[in-house]
PDB file of N, CA and C in Angstrom:
ATOM      1  N   UNK A   1     -58.088 217.046-106.615  1.00  0.00           N
ATOM      2  CA  UNK A   1     -59.082 216.001-106.632  1.00  0.00           C
ATOM      3  C   UNK A   1     -60.436 216.590-107.002  1.00  0.00           C
ATOM      4  N   UNK A   2     -61.284 215.765-107.565  1.00  0.00           N
ATOM      5  CA  UNK A   2     -62.632 216.218-107.899  1.00  0.00           C
ATOM      6  C   UNK A   2     -63.610 215.791-106.814  1.00  0.00           C
ATOM      7  N   UNK A   3     -64.822 216.286-106.905  1.00  0.00           N
ATOM      8  CA  UNK A   3     -65.810 216.004-105.864  1.00  0.00           C
ATOM      9  C   UNK A   3     -66.098 214.513-105.735  1.00  0.00           C
ATOM     10  N   UNK A   4     -66.111 213.797-106.843  1.00  0.00           N
ATOM     11  CA  UNK A   4     -66.367 212.361-106.783  1.00  0.00           C
ATOM     12  C   UNK A   4     -65.316 211.621-105.978  1.00  0.00           C
ATOM     13  N   UNK A   5     -64.061 211.945-106.230  1.00  0.00           N
ATOM     14  CA  UNK A   5     -62.967 211.316-105.478  1.00  0.00           C
ATOM     15  C   UNK A   5     -63.044 211.712-104.008  1.00  0.00           C
ATOM     16  N   UNK A   6     -63.438 212.955-103.747  1.00  0.00           N
ATOM     17  CA  UNK A   6     -63.565 213.407-102.362  1.00  0.00           C
ATOM     18  C   UNK A   6     -64.684 212.649-101.646  1.00  0.00           C
ATOM     19  N   UNK A   7     -65.804 212.446-102.333  1.00  0.00           N
ATOM     20  CA  UNK A   7     -66.904 211.690-101.734  1.00  0.00           C
ATOM     21  C   UNK A   7     -66.422 210.279-101.382  1.00  0.00           C
ATOM     22  N   UNK A   8     -65.760 209.637-102.330  1.00  0.00           N
ATOM     23  CA  UNK A   8     -65.274 208.266-102.095  1.00  0.00           C
ATOM     24  C   UNK A   8     -64.294 208.231-100.913  1.00  0.00           C
ATOM     25  N   UNK A   9     -63.311 209.132-100.911  1.00  0.00           N
ATOM     26  CA  UNK A   9     -62.308 209.131 -99.842  1.00  0.00           C
ATOM     27  C   UNK A   9     -62.940 209.383 -98.473  1.00  0.00           C
ATOM     28  N   UNK A  10     -63.847 210.354 -98.413  1.00  0.00           N
ATOM     29  CA  UNK A  10     -64.491 210.670 -97.138  1.00  0.00           C
ATOM     30  C   UNK A  10     -65.416 209.538 -96.690  1.00  0.00           C
ATOM     31  N   UNK A  11     -66.101 208.931 -97.639  1.00  0.00           N
ATOM     32  CA  UNK A  11     -66.966 207.798 -97.295  1.00  0.00           C
ATOM     33  C   UNK A  11     -66.137 206.664 -96.698  1.00  0.00           C
ATOM     34  N   UNK A  12     -65.002 206.376 -97.332  1.00  0.00           N
ATOM     35  CA  UNK A  12     -64.145 205.295 -96.831  1.00  0.00           C
ATOM     36  C   UNK A  12     -63.521 205.658 -95.490  1.00  0.00           C
ATOM     37  N   UNK A  13     -63.141 206.935 -95.302  1.00  0.00           N
ATOM     38  CA  UNK A  13     -62.610 207.374 -94.006  1.00  0.00           C
ATOM     39  C   UNK A  13     -63.639 207.167 -92.902  1.00  0.00           C
ATOM     40  N   UNK A  14     -64.902 207.348 -93.251  1.00  0.00           N
ATOM     41  CA  UNK A  14     -65.989 207.163 -92.291  1.00  0.00           C
ATOM     42  C   UNK A  14     -66.452 205.708 -92.208  1.00  0.00           C
ATOM     43  N   UNK A  15     -65.755 204.834 -92.946  1.00  0.00           N
ATOM     44  CA  UNK A  15     -66.055 203.398 -92.947  1.00  0.00           C
ATOM     45  C   UNK A  15     -67.518 203.115 -93.288  1.00  0.00           C
ATOM     46  N   UNK A  16     -67.999 203.791 -94.336  1.00  0.00           N
ATOM     47  CA  UNK A  16     -69.371 203.599 -94.797  1.00  0.00           C
ATOM     48  C   UNK A  16     -69.369 202.925 -96.157  1.00  0.00           C
ATOM     49  N   UNK A  17     -70.323 202.044 -96.378  1.00  0.00           N
ATOM     50  CA  UNK A  17     -70.519 201.473 -97.708  1.00  0.00           C
ATOM     51  C   UNK A  17     -71.390 202.436 -98.512  1.00  0.00           C
ATOM     52  N   UNK A  18     -71.466 202.193 -99.809  1.00  0.00           N
ATOM     53  CA  UNK A  18     -72.358 202.992-100.647  1.00  0.00           C
ATOM     54  C   UNK A  18     -73.793 202.881-100.131  1.00  0.00           C
ATOM     55  N   UNK A  19     -74.175 201.680 -99.768  1.00  0.00           N
ATOM     56  CA  UNK A  19     -75.534 201.439 -99.282  1.00  0.00           C
ATOM     57  C   UNK A  19     -75.800 202.216 -97.995  1.00  0.00           C
ATOM     58  N   UNK A  20     -74.837 202.214 -97.082  1.00  0.00           N
ATOM     59  CA  UNK A  20     -75.008 202.924 -95.811  1.00  0.00           C
ATOM     60  C   UNK A  20     -75.114 204.435 -96.032  1.00  0.00           C
ATOM     61  N   UNK A  21     -74.247 204.980 -96.879  1.00  0.00           N
ATOM     62  CA  UNK A  21     -74.310 206.415 -97.164  1.00  0.00           C
ATOM     63  C   UNK A  21     -75.629 206.757 -97.838  1.00  0.00           C
ATOM     64  N   UNK A  22     -76.062 205.905 -98.732  1.00  0.00           N
ATOM     65  CA  UNK A  22     -77.348 206.109 -99.383  1.00  0.00           C
ATOM     66  C   UNK A  22     -78.496 206.110 -98.400  1.00  0.00           C
ATOM     67  N   UNK A  23     -78.452 205.207 -97.448  1.00  0.00           N
ATOM     68  CA  UNK A  23     -79.501 205.112 -96.439  1.00  0.00           C
ATOM     69  C   UNK A  23     -79.540 206.368 -95.568  1.00  0.00           C
ATOM     70  N   UNK A  24     -78.379 206.870 -95.197  1.00  0.00           N
ATOM     71  CA  UNK A  24     -78.291 208.066 -94.355  1.00  0.00           C
ATOM     72  C   UNK A  24     -78.799 209.304 -95.098  1.00  0.00           C
ATOM     73  N   UNK A  25     -78.452 209.409 -96.381  1.00  0.00           N
ATOM     74  CA  UNK A  25     -78.757 210.617 -97.148  1.00  0.00           C
ATOM     75  C   UNK A  25     -80.083 210.561 -97.899  1.00  0.00           C
ATOM     76  N   UNK A  26     -80.586 209.355 -98.116  1.00  0.00           N
ATOM     77  CA  UNK A  26     -81.775 209.216 -98.941  1.00  0.00           C
ATOM     78  C   UNK A  26     -81.474 209.281-100.432  1.00  0.00           C
ATOM     79  N   UNK A  27     -80.195 209.105-100.770  1.00  0.00           N
ATOM     80  CA  UNK A  27     -79.730 209.110-102.166  1.00  0.00           C
ATOM     81  C   UNK A  27     -79.444 207.669-102.556  1.00  0.00           C
ATOM     82  N   UNK A  28     -79.813 207.292-103.764  1.00  0.00           N
ATOM     83  CA  UNK A  28     -79.621 205.896-104.156  1.00  0.00           C
ATOM     84  C   UNK A  28     -78.137 205.531-104.210  1.00  0.00           C
ATOM     85  N   UNK A  29     -77.889 204.276-103.898  1.00  0.00           N
ATOM     86  CA  UNK A  29     -76.536 203.722-103.964  1.00  0.00           C
ATOM     87  C   UNK A  29     -75.945 203.924-105.364  1.00  0.00           C
ATOM     88  N   UNK A  30     -76.779 203.735-106.387  1.00  0.00           N
ATOM     89  CA  UNK A  30     -76.328 203.879-107.774  1.00  0.00           C
ATOM     90  C   UNK A  30     -75.901 205.323-108.071  1.00  0.00           C
ATOM     91  N   UNK A  31     -76.678 206.285-107.573  1.00  0.00           N
ATOM     92  CA  UNK A  31     -76.341 207.692-107.802  1.00  0.00           C
ATOM     93  C   UNK A  31     -75.014 208.042-107.125  1.00  0.00           C
ATOM     94  N   UNK A  32     -74.841 207.597-105.883  1.00  0.00           N
ATOM     95  CA  UNK A  32     -73.585 207.885-105.174  1.00  0.00           C
ATOM     96  C   UNK A  32     -72.415 207.255-105.917  1.00  0.00           C
ATOM     97  N   UNK A  33     -72.582 206.053-106.390  1.00  0.00           N
ATOM     98  CA  UNK A  33     -71.535 205.386-107.161  1.00  0.00           C
ATOM     99  C   UNK A  33     -71.189 206.199-108.413  1.00  0.00           C
ATOM    100  N   UNK A  34     -72.203 206.721-109.076  1.00  0.00           N
ATOM    101  CA  UNK A  34     -71.964 207.532-110.276  1.00  0.00           C
ATOM    102  C   UNK A  34     -71.246 208.838-109.929  1.00  0.00           C
ATOM    103  N   UNK A  35     -71.584 209.441-108.794  1.00  0.00           N
ATOM    104  CA  UNK A  35     -70.867 210.650-108.358  1.00  0.00           C
ATOM    105  C   UNK A  35     -69.400 210.316-108.112  1.00  0.00           C
ATOM    106  N   UNK A  36     -69.168 209.223-107.399  1.00  0.00           N
ATOM    107  CA  UNK A  36     -67.794 208.844-107.063  1.00  0.00           C
ATOM    108  C   UNK A  36     -66.964 208.535-108.307  1.00  0.00           C
ATOM    109  N   UNK A  37     -67.576 207.975-109.318  1.00  0.00           N
ATOM    110  CA  UNK A  37     -66.853 207.621-110.547  1.00  0.00           C
ATOM    111  C   UNK A  37     -66.800 208.765-111.553  1.00  0.00           C
ATOM    112  N   UNK A  38     -67.385 209.905-111.207  1.00  0.00           N
ATOM    113  CA  UNK A  38     -67.331 211.066-112.088  1.00  0.00           C
ATOM    114  C   UNK A  38     -68.292 210.994-113.255  1.00  0.00           C
ATOM    115  N   UNK A  39     -69.272 210.107-113.194  1.00  0.00           N
ATOM    116  CA  UNK A  39     -70.243 209.983-114.279  1.00  0.00           C
ATOM    117  C   UNK A  39     -71.354 211.021-114.154  1.00  0.00           C
ATOM    118  N   UNK A  40     -71.580 211.474-112.937  1.00  0.00           N
ATOM    119  CA  UNK A  40     -72.563 212.515-112.646  1.00  0.00           C
ATOM    120  C   UNK A  40     -71.971 213.442-111.600  1.00  0.00           C
ATOM    121  N   UNK A  41     -72.508 214.655-111.542  1.00  0.00           N
ATOM    122  CA  UNK A  41     -72.092 215.630-110.529  1.00  0.00           C
ATOM    123  C   UNK A  41     -73.321 215.952-109.682  1.00  0.00           C
ATOM    124  N   UNK A  42     -73.191 215.857-108.370  1.00  0.00           N
ATOM    125  CA  UNK A  42     -74.351 216.140-107.526  1.00  0.00           C
ATOM    126  C   UNK A  42     -74.713 217.625-107.564  1.00  0.00           C
ATOM    127  N   UNK A  43     -76.019 217.913-107.497  1.00  0.00           N
ATOM    128  CA  UNK A  43     -76.408 219.321-107.404  1.00  0.00           C
ATOM    129  C   UNK A  43     -76.088 219.817-105.991  1.00  0.00           C
ATOM    130  N   UNK A  44     -76.290 221.099-105.752  1.00  0.00           N
ATOM    131  CA  UNK A  44     -75.893 221.699-104.474  1.00  0.00           C
ATOM    132  C   UNK A  44     -76.590 221.043-103.285  1.00  0.00           C
ATOM    133  N   UNK A  45     -77.880 220.766-103.424  1.00  0.00           N
ATOM    134  CA  UNK A  45     -78.611 220.175-102.301  1.00  0.00           C
ATOM    135  C   UNK A  45     -78.122 218.764-102.008  1.00  0.00           C
ATOM    136  N   UNK A  46     -77.910 217.980-103.026  1.00  0.00           N
ATOM    137  CA  UNK A  46     -77.415 216.614-102.846  1.00  0.00           C
ATOM    138  C   UNK A  46     -76.012 216.649-102.236  1.00  0.00           C
ATOM    139  N   UNK A  47     -75.155 217.535-102.727  1.00  0.00           N
ATOM    140  CA  UNK A  47     -73.794 217.661-102.175  1.00  0.00           C
ATOM    141  C   UNK A  47     -73.866 218.037-100.698  1.00  0.00           C
ATOM    142  N   UNK A  48     -74.793 218.942-100.347  1.00  0.00           N
ATOM    143  CA  UNK A  48     -74.969 219.332 -98.947  1.00  0.00           C
ATOM    144  C   UNK A  48     -75.361 218.128 -98.091  1.00  0.00           C
ATOM    145  N   UNK A  49     -76.308 217.315 -98.574  1.00  0.00           N
ATOM    146  CA  UNK A  49     -76.743 216.138 -97.831  1.00  0.00           C
ATOM    147  C   UNK A  49     -75.593 215.154 -97.642  1.00  0.00           C
ATOM    148  N   UNK A  50     -74.785 214.978 -98.666  1.00  0.00           N
ATOM    149  CA  UNK A  50     -73.635 214.068 -98.574  1.00  0.00           C
ATOM    150  C   UNK A  50     -72.616 214.616 -97.579  1.00  0.00           C
ATOM    151  N   UNK A  51     -72.316 215.914 -97.681  1.00  0.00           N
ATOM    152  CA  UNK A  51     -71.351 216.540 -96.767  1.00  0.00           C
ATOM    153  C   UNK A  51     -71.807 216.385 -95.317  1.00  0.00           C
ATOM    154  N   UNK A  52     -73.082 216.642 -95.076  1.00  0.00           N
ATOM    155  CA  UNK A  52     -73.621 216.530 -93.717  1.00  0.00           C
ATOM    156  C   UNK A  52     -73.481 215.098 -93.197  1.00  0.00           C
ATOM    157  N   UNK A  53     -73.800 214.118 -94.047  1.00  0.00           N
ATOM    158  CA  UNK A  53     -73.695 212.708 -93.647  1.00  0.00           C
ATOM    159  C   UNK A  53     -72.247 212.313 -93.362  1.00  0.00           C
ATOM    160  N   UNK A  54     -71.307 212.936 -94.066  1.00  0.00           N
ATOM    161  CA  UNK A  54     -69.885 212.610 -93.892  1.00  0.00           C
ATOM    162  C   UNK A  54     -69.209 213.505 -92.860  1.00  0.00           C
ATOM    163  N   UNK A  55     -69.994 214.395 -92.242  1.00  0.00           N
ATOM    164  CA  UNK A  55     -69.515 215.282 -91.176  1.00  0.00           C
ATOM    165  C   UNK A  55     -68.386 216.208 -91.642  1.00  0.00           C
ATOM    166  N   UNK A  56     -68.563 216.785 -92.832  1.00  0.00           N
ATOM    167  CA  UNK A  56     -67.618 217.773 -93.355  1.00  0.00           C
ATOM    168  C   UNK A  56     -68.409 218.967 -93.869  1.00  0.00           C
ATOM    169  N   UNK A  57     -67.721 220.063 -94.110  1.00  0.00           N
ATOM    170  CA  UNK A  57     -68.376 221.212 -94.709  1.00  0.00           C
ATOM    171  C   UNK A  57     -68.560 220.949 -96.194  1.00  0.00           C
ATOM    172  N   UNK A  58     -69.460 221.691 -96.801  1.00  0.00           N
ATOM    173  CA  UNK A  58     -69.648 221.587 -98.241  1.00  0.00           C
ATOM    174  C   UNK A  58     -68.350 221.971 -98.963  1.00  0.00           C
ATOM    175  N   UNK A  59     -67.671 222.971 -98.428  1.00  0.00           N
ATOM    176  CA  UNK A  59     -66.388 223.407 -98.986  1.00  0.00           C
ATOM    177  C   UNK A  59     -65.372 222.260 -98.996  1.00  0.00           C
ATOM    178  N   UNK A  60     -65.294 221.538 -97.893  1.00  0.00           N
ATOM    179  CA  UNK A  60     -64.342 220.421 -97.815  1.00  0.00           C
ATOM    180  C   UNK A  60     -64.727 219.300 -98.770  1.00  0.00           C
ATOM    181  N   UNK A  61     -66.017 219.047 -98.908  1.00  0.00           N
ATOM    182  CA  UNK A  61     -66.459 218.010 -99.838  1.00  0.00           C
ATOM    183  C   UNK A  61     -66.061 218.372-101.265  1.00  0.00           C
ATOM    184  N   UNK A  62     -66.229 219.631-101.623  1.00  0.00           N
ATOM    185  CA  UNK A  62     -65.960 220.067-102.995  1.00  0.00           C
ATOM    186  C   UNK A  62     -64.460 220.171-103.275  1.00  0.00           C
ATOM    187  N   UNK A  63     -63.713 220.774-102.347  1.00  0.00           N
ATOM    188  CA  UNK A  63     -62.293 221.039-102.599  1.00  0.00           C
ATOM    189  C   UNK A  63     -61.367 219.932-102.106  1.00  0.00           C
ATOM    190  N   UNK A  64     -61.825 219.176-101.127  1.00  0.00           N
ATOM    191  CA  UNK A  64     -60.946 218.185-100.518  1.00  0.00           C
ATOM    192  C   UNK A  64     -60.101 218.759 -99.404  1.00  0.00           C
ATOM    193  N   UNK A  65     -60.268 220.062 -99.131  1.00  0.00           N
ATOM    194  CA  UNK A  65     -59.493 220.738 -98.075  1.00  0.00           C
ATOM    195  C   UNK A  65     -60.430 221.288 -97.023  1.00  0.00           C
ATOM    196  N   UNK A  66     -59.984 221.258 -95.774  1.00  0.00           N
ATOM    197  CA  UNK A  66     -60.736 221.992 -94.765  1.00  0.00           C
ATOM    198  C   UNK A  66     -60.343 223.466 -94.905  1.00  0.00           C
ATOM    199  N   UNK A  67     -61.075 224.347 -94.273  1.00  0.00           N
ATOM    200  CA  UNK A  67     -60.863 225.792 -94.449  1.00  0.00           C
ATOM    201  C   UNK A  67     -59.429 226.211 -94.124  1.00  0.00           C
ATOM    202  N   UNK A  68     -58.874 225.724 -93.034  1.00  0.00           N
ATOM    203  CA  UNK A  68     -57.521 226.122 -92.637  1.00  0.00           C
ATOM    204  C   UNK A  68     -56.493 225.720 -93.695  1.00  0.00           C
ATOM    205  N   UNK A  69     -56.591 224.499 -94.200  1.00  0.00           N
ATOM    206  CA  UNK A  69     -55.669 224.030 -95.233  1.00  0.00           C
ATOM    207  C   UNK A  69     -55.839 224.830 -96.517  1.00  0.00           C
ATOM    208  N   UNK A  70     -57.086 225.134 -96.876  1.00  0.00           N
ATOM    209  CA  UNK A  70     -57.348 225.906 -98.094  1.00  0.00           C
ATOM    210  C   UNK A  70     -56.737 227.292 -97.996  1.00  0.00           C
ATOM    211  N   UNK A  71     -56.904 227.943 -96.863  1.00  0.00           N
ATOM    212  CA  UNK A  71     -56.347 229.288 -96.685  1.00  0.00           C
ATOM    213  C   UNK A  71     -54.829 229.237 -96.717  1.00  0.00           C
ATOM    214  N   UNK A  72     -54.246 228.266 -96.048  1.00  0.00           N
ATOM    215  CA  UNK A  72     -52.785 228.126 -96.044  1.00  0.00           C
ATOM    216  C   UNK A  72     -52.256 227.913 -97.461  1.00  0.00           C
ATOM    217  N   UNK A  73     -52.931 227.089 -98.234  1.00  0.00           N
ATOM    218  CA  UNK A  73     -52.522 226.824 -99.613  1.00  0.00           C
ATOM    219  C   UNK A  73     -52.614 228.083-100.465  1.00  0.00           C
ATOM    220  N   UNK A  74     -53.694 228.821-100.319  1.00  0.00           N
ATOM    221  CA  UNK A  74     -53.867 230.051-101.090  1.00  0.00           C
ATOM    222  C   UNK A  74     -52.787 231.070-100.736  1.00  0.00           C
ATOM    223  N   UNK A  75     -52.517 231.256 -99.461  1.00  0.00           N
ATOM    224  CA  UNK A  75     -51.482 232.203 -99.027  1.00  0.00           C
ATOM    225  C   UNK A  75     -50.122 231.787 -99.578  1.00  0.00           C
ATOM    226  N   UNK A  76     -49.818 230.498 -99.511  1.00  0.00           N
ATOM    227  CA  UNK A  76     -48.546 230.006-100.044  1.00  0.00           C
ATOM    228  C   UNK A  76     -48.438 230.285-101.540  1.00  0.00           C
ATOM    229  N   UNK A  77     -49.511 230.021-102.267  1.00  0.00           N
ATOM    230  CA  UNK A  77     -49.509 230.261-103.708  1.00  0.00           C
ATOM    231  C   UNK A  77     -49.336 231.734-104.040  1.00  0.00           C
ATOM    232  N   UNK A  78     -49.999 232.599-103.264  1.00  0.00           N
ATOM    233  CA  UNK A  78     -49.871 234.044-103.495  1.00  0.00           C
ATOM    234  C   UNK A  78     -48.436 234.480-103.255  1.00  0.00           C
ATOM    235  N   UNK A  79     -47.850 234.017-102.172  1.00  0.00           N
ATOM    236  CA  UNK A  79     -46.456 234.383-101.873  1.00  0.00           C
ATOM    237  C   UNK A  79     -45.528 233.885-102.975  1.00  0.00           C
ATOM    238  N   UNK A  80     -45.715 232.668-103.431  1.00  0.00           N
ATOM    239  CA  UNK A  80     -44.879 232.108-104.492  1.00  0.00           C
ATOM    240  C   UNK A  80     -45.026 232.915-105.772  1.00  0.00           C
ATOM    241  N   UNK A  81     -46.249 233.312-106.083  1.00  0.00           N
ATOM    242  CA  UNK A  81     -46.496 234.081-107.298  1.00  0.00           C
ATOM    243  C   UNK A  81     -45.809 235.434-107.219  1.00  0.00           C
ATOM    244  N   UNK A  82     -45.851 236.082-106.072  1.00  0.00           N
ATOM    245  CA  UNK A  82     -45.204 237.383-105.923  1.00  0.00           C
ATOM    246  C   UNK A  82     -43.691 237.268-106.095  1.00  0.00           C
ATOM    247  N   UNK A  83     -43.113 236.214-105.560  1.00  0.00           N
ATOM    248  CA  UNK A  83     -41.674 235.997-105.728  1.00  0.00           C
ATOM    249  C   UNK A  83     -41.365 235.786-107.205  1.00  0.00           C
ATOM    250  N   UNK A  84     -42.194 235.011-107.894  1.00  0.00           N
ATOM    251  CA  UNK A  84     -42.020 234.747-109.315  1.00  0.00           C
ATOM    252  C   UNK A  84     -42.088 236.057-110.106  1.00  0.00           C
ATOM    253  N   UNK A  85     -43.072 236.902-109.788  1.00  0.00           N
ATOM    254  CA  UNK A  85     -43.202 238.192-110.473  1.00  0.00           C
ATOM    255  C   UNK A  85     -41.984 239.070-110.226  1.00  0.00           C
ATOM    256  N   UNK A  86     -41.512 239.105-108.991  1.00  0.00           N
ATOM    257  CA  UNK A  86     -40.340 239.912-108.643  1.00  0.00           C
ATOM    258  C   UNK A  86     -39.115 239.437-109.412  1.00  0.00           C
ATOM    259  N   UNK A  87     -38.909 238.134-109.468  1.00  0.00           N
ATOM    260  CA  UNK A  87     -37.757 237.599-110.197  1.00  0.00           C
ATOM    261  C   UNK A  87     -37.839 237.947-111.688  1.00  0.00           C
ATOM    262  N   UNK A  88     -39.027 237.868-112.251  1.00  0.00           N
ATOM    263  CA  UNK A  88     -39.190 238.242-113.658  1.00  0.00           C
ATOM    264  C   UNK A  88     -38.919 239.720-113.892  1.00  0.00           C
ATOM    265  N   UNK A  89     -39.362 240.559-112.963  1.00  0.00           N
ATOM    266  CA  UNK A  89     -39.127 241.999-113.096  1.00  0.00           C
ATOM    267  C   UNK A  89     -37.635 242.300-113.000  1.00  0.00           C
ATOM    268  N   UNK A  90     -36.939 241.649-112.073  1.00  0.00           N
ATOM    269  CA  UNK A  90     -35.494 241.843-111.962  1.00  0.00           C
ATOM    270  C   UNK A  90     -34.792 241.383-113.246  1.00  0.00           C
ATOM    271  N   UNK A  91     -35.218 240.262-113.778  1.00  0.00           N
ATOM    272  CA  UNK A  91     -34.649 239.733-115.014  1.00  0.00           C
ATOM    273  C   UNK A  91     -34.882 240.717-116.172  1.00  0.00           C
ATOM    274  N   UNK A  92     -36.105 241.252-116.243  1.00  0.00           N
ATOM    275  CA  UNK A  92     -36.455 242.208-117.287  1.00  0.00           C
ATOM    276  C   UNK A  92     -35.565 243.455-117.224  1.00  0.00           C
ATOM    277  N   UNK A  93     -35.172 243.842-116.009  1.00  0.00           N
ATOM    278  CA  UNK A  93     -34.334 245.015-115.832  1.00  0.00           C
ATOM    279  C   UNK A  93     -32.832 244.685-115.957  1.00  0.00           C
ATOM    280  N   UNK A  94     -32.553 243.420-116.209  1.00  0.00           N
ATOM    281  CA  UNK A  94     -31.166 243.026-116.399  1.00  0.00           C
ATOM    282  C   UNK A  94     -30.406 242.788-115.117  1.00  0.00           C
ATOM    283  N   UNK A  95     -31.101 242.643-114.026  1.00  0.00           N
ATOM    284  CA  UNK A  95     -30.476 242.415-112.734  1.00  0.00           C
ATOM    285  C   UNK A  95     -30.473 240.926-112.449  1.00  0.00           C
ATOM    286  N   UNK A  96     -29.292 240.387-112.172  1.00  0.00           N
ATOM    287  CA  UNK A  96     -29.199 238.962-111.861  1.00  0.00           C
ATOM    288  C   UNK A  96     -28.915 238.773-110.384  1.00  0.00           C
ATOM    289  N   UNK A  97     -29.355 237.653-109.888  1.00  0.00           N
ATOM    290  CA  UNK A  97     -29.149 237.360-108.464  1.00  0.00           C
ATOM    291  C   UNK A  97     -28.205 236.188-108.347  1.00  0.00           C
TER     292      UNK A  97
END
């Protein structure tokens, strides 16, 4: 997911309208709508203000994952990649499983 979709999903999870989020952050309703639709990308300070208003970390706003989920996903991907490399090396050496 992209940051715009994450903003929209988190805003809806928090049961906030565009107007309410704008009021909390001091960002115009139109700007937030443009971020959510992918027409604009918020700068770091604006993203921080949105994350704070939505009670998430900046990392979660950007990635859509909380830290624990992100680490788990990365570890899983690394393990999968190592298995893939091992299988290719065995194949290259003519060893079948």
